[in-house]
Amino acid sequence: MNPIVKTFYNGAVYGAQVRFPHALLMTLMFGSGTLREKMQAILSLTLQHSANLALFASCYTLCRGILQRYCSSAAAYLLSGGLCGGILLGENTTLLNHVNLYTWSRVVLACTRWAIEKWPSLYFPGAFRLYSALSYGFLMLFFETRSKLLQKSLQTSMNFIYR
């Protein structure tokens, strides 16, 4: 099978498998509207996520294939991911914010692991505790002083817990 078609298909299937249960749970628990409206929202979110992932996967595969003829593999990976991500996943929507937050958190963790692997002296036993302290310290500062800057779903969760 053509690699572009295969990644499109795999992206669509994976996107649906990941988003449907999440959308189902979150919409039924926290969504408003009739059951019909909730089902439409669930299907819409699933379709959007599936289409976004399918288009990104196929775009990335195509661009990577072209760029690898002209530059190193690492440059082709970075440029292809950046180009396709910016074009296809760069809108400021609730769904893409969720996807980008998920992705970015894992990129930061991978960069941290890479830095520790490359420079082991950077690691210290309390590093994760410091990371957690900074994360939750800034979360609570933003929640208490500028909660509108936080993602809507996080605002909702925090308001439920603390207000």
Protein backbone atom coordinates (compact mmCIF):
# COMPACT_ATOMS: atom_id res chain seq x y z
CA MET A 1 0.00 0.00 0.00
CA ASN A 2 1.18 3.52 -0.75
CA PRO A 3 2.76 4.98 2.44
CA ILE A 4 0.79 8.24 2.13
CA VAL A 5 -2.51 6.39 1.84
CA LYS A 6 -1.51 4.05 4.66
CA THR A 7 -0.66 6.89 7.05
CA PHE A 8 -3.89 8.69 6.11
CA TYR A 9 -5.91 5.58 6.90
CA ASN A 10 -3.98 4.79 10.09
CA GLY A 11 -4.28 8.40 11.26
CA ALA A 12 -8.03 8.40 10.67
CA VAL A 13 -8.56 5.11 12.50
CA TYR A 14 -6.32 6.03 15.43
CA GLY A 15 -7.88 9.50 15.69
CA ALA A 16 -11.35 7.96 15.95
CA GLN A 17 -10.21 5.32 18.45
CA VAL A 18 -8.67 7.94 20.73
CA ARG A 19 -11.21 10.75 20.45
CA PHE A 20 -14.52 8.83 20.52
CA PRO A 21 -14.23 7.46 24.09
CA HIS A 22 -12.87 10.79 25.38
CA ALA A 23 -15.59 12.82 23.66
CA LEU A 24 -18.25 10.37 24.81
CA LEU A 25 -17.21 10.54 28.44
CA MET A 26 -16.59 14.29 28.60
CA THR A 27 -19.74 15.23 26.68
CA LEU A 28 -22.01 12.97 28.68
CA MET A 29 -20.49 14.09 31.98
CA PHE A 30 -20.04 17.81 31.36
CA GLY A 31 -21.86 18.69 28.14
CA SER A 32 -25.15 20.52 27.96
CA GLY A 33 -28.04 20.06 25.58
CA THR A 34 -30.31 17.25 24.55
CA LEU A 35 -29.08 13.71 24.08
CA ARG A 36 -29.28 14.23 20.31
CA GLU A 37 -27.13 17.39 20.53
CA LYS A 38 -24.62 15.56 22.72
CA MET A 39 -24.38 12.68 20.23
CA GLN A 40 -23.86 15.16 17.40
CA ALA A 41 -21.08 16.85 19.39
CA ILE A 42 -19.41 13.50 20.11
CA LEU A 43 -19.49 12.50 16.45
CA SER A 44 -18.33 15.94 15.33
CA LEU A 45 -15.35 15.93 17.70
CA THR A 46 -14.46 12.37 16.66
CA LEU A 47 -14.63 13.25 12.96
CA GLN A 48 -12.59 16.44 13.43
CA HIS A 49 -9.87 14.65 15.39
CA SER A 50 -9.78 11.73 12.98
CA ALA A 51 -9.57 14.02 9.94
CA ASN A 52 -6.88 16.22 11.54
CA LEU A 53 -4.69 13.24 12.38
CA ALA A 54 -5.22 11.60 8.98
CA LEU A 55 -4.35 14.80 7.11
CA PHE A 56 -1.32 15.50 9.29
CA ALA A 57 0.01 11.94 8.94
CA SER A 58 -0.30 11.91 5.16
CA CYS A 59 1.03 15.46 4.75
CA TYR A 60 4.01 14.66 6.97
CA THR A 61 4.76 11.45 5.07
CA LEU A 62 4.63 13.27 1.73
CA CYS A 63 6.75 16.24 2.85
CA ARG A 64 9.29 14.01 4.60
CA GLY A 65 9.69 11.93 1.45
CA ILE A 66 10.34 15.03 -0.64
CA LEU A 67 12.64 16.78 1.84
CA GLN A 68 14.80 13.70 2.50
CA ARG A 69 16.06 14.06 -1.09
CA TYR A 70 17.45 17.52 -0.31
CA CYS A 71 18.50 17.55 3.35
CA SER A 72 19.40 15.30 6.24
CA SER A 73 16.79 12.99 7.72
CA ALA A 74 16.67 14.96 10.99
CA ALA A 75 16.08 18.22 9.12
CA ALA A 76 13.42 16.56 6.97
CA TYR A 77 11.62 15.25 10.07
CA LEU A 78 11.71 18.62 11.83
CA LEU A 79 10.74 20.68 8.79
CA SER A 80 7.99 18.30 7.69
CA GLY A 81 6.49 18.09 11.16
CA GLY A 82 6.70 21.84 11.66
CA LEU A 83 5.27 22.71 8.25
CA CYS A 84 2.38 20.24 8.39
CA GLY A 85 1.70 20.93 12.07
CA GLY A 86 1.59 24.67 11.53
CA ILE A 87 -0.65 24.45 8.49
CA LEU A 88 -3.00 21.66 9.58
CA LEU A 89 -2.99 21.85 13.38
CA GLY A 90 -2.28 25.53 13.96
CA GLU A 91 -5.82 26.86 14.42
CA ASN A 92 -6.74 28.08 17.90
CA THR A 93 -9.66 25.71 18.52
CA THR A 94 -10.59 23.81 21.67
CA LEU A 95 -9.88 20.46 20.04
CA LEU A 96 -6.49 21.49 18.62
CA ASN A 97 -5.53 23.16 21.90
CA HIS A 98 -6.16 19.82 23.60
CA VAL A 99 -4.11 17.93 21.01
CA ASN A 100 -1.27 20.46 21.08
CA LEU A 101 -1.14 20.47 24.89
CA TYR A 102 -0.96 16.69 24.87
CA THR A 103 1.81 16.73 22.27
CA TRP A 104 3.81 19.58 23.79
CA SER A 105 3.88 18.02 27.27
CA ARG A 106 5.38 14.86 25.81
CA VAL A 107 7.90 16.82 23.75
CA VAL A 108 9.07 18.67 26.86
CA LEU A 109 9.44 15.37 28.73
CA ALA A 110 11.39 13.85 25.80
CA CYS A 111 13.67 16.91 25.64
CA THR A 112 14.32 16.61 29.36
CA ARG A 113 15.16 12.92 29.04
CA TRP A 114 17.42 13.66 26.07
CA ALA A 115 19.24 16.40 28.00
CA ILE A 116 19.78 14.08 30.98
CA GLU A 117 20.97 11.31 28.66
CA LYS A 118 23.40 13.71 26.96
CA TRP A 119 24.47 15.50 30.16
CA PRO A 120 23.85 13.11 33.10
CA SER A 121 25.16 15.68 35.58
CA LEU A 122 21.98 17.73 34.95
CA TYR A 123 19.93 15.12 36.77
CA PHE A 124 19.42 15.41 40.48
CA PRO A 125 17.17 13.28 42.71
CA GLY A 126 14.59 16.04 43.34
CA ALA A 127 14.23 17.06 39.67
CA PHE A 128 10.73 15.67 39.21
CA ARG A 129 9.62 17.12 42.54
CA LEU A 130 10.88 20.55 41.38
CA TYR A 131 9.06 20.15 38.06
CA SER A 132 5.83 19.30 39.92
CA ALA A 133 6.28 22.16 42.36
CA LEU A 134 6.78 24.68 39.56
CA SER A 135 3.88 23.28 37.50
CA TYR A 136 1.37 23.36 40.33
CA GLY A 137 2.69 26.61 41.78
CA PHE A 138 2.16 28.40 38.46
CA LEU A 139 -1.17 26.63 37.91
CA MET A 140 -2.53 27.90 41.20
CA LEU A 141 -1.11 31.38 40.62
CA PHE A 142 -2.86 31.58 37.23
CA PHE A 143 -6.05 30.06 38.61
CA GLU A 144 -6.25 32.54 41.47
CA THR A 145 -5.15 35.65 39.55
CA ARG A 146 -5.77 35.13 35.81
CA SER A 147 -7.95 32.06 35.39
CA LYS A 148 -9.23 33.24 31.99
CA LEU A 149 -5.77 32.44 30.60
CA LEU A 150 -6.17 28.75 31.46
CA GLN A 151 -7.77 26.33 29.04
CA LYS A 152 -11.57 26.28 29.44
CA SER A 153 -11.75 22.64 30.55
CA LEU A 154 -9.07 23.27 33.18
CA GLN A 155 -10.93 26.39 34.37
CA THR A 156 -14.11 24.31 34.71
CA SER A 157 -12.33 21.59 36.69
CA MET A 158 -10.58 24.07 38.96
CA ASN A 159 -13.79 26.03 39.57
CA PHE A 160 -15.59 22.82 40.50
CA ILE A 161 -12.87 21.83 42.96
CA TYR A 162 -12.07 25.19 44.55
CA ARG A 163 -15.13 27.39 44.06
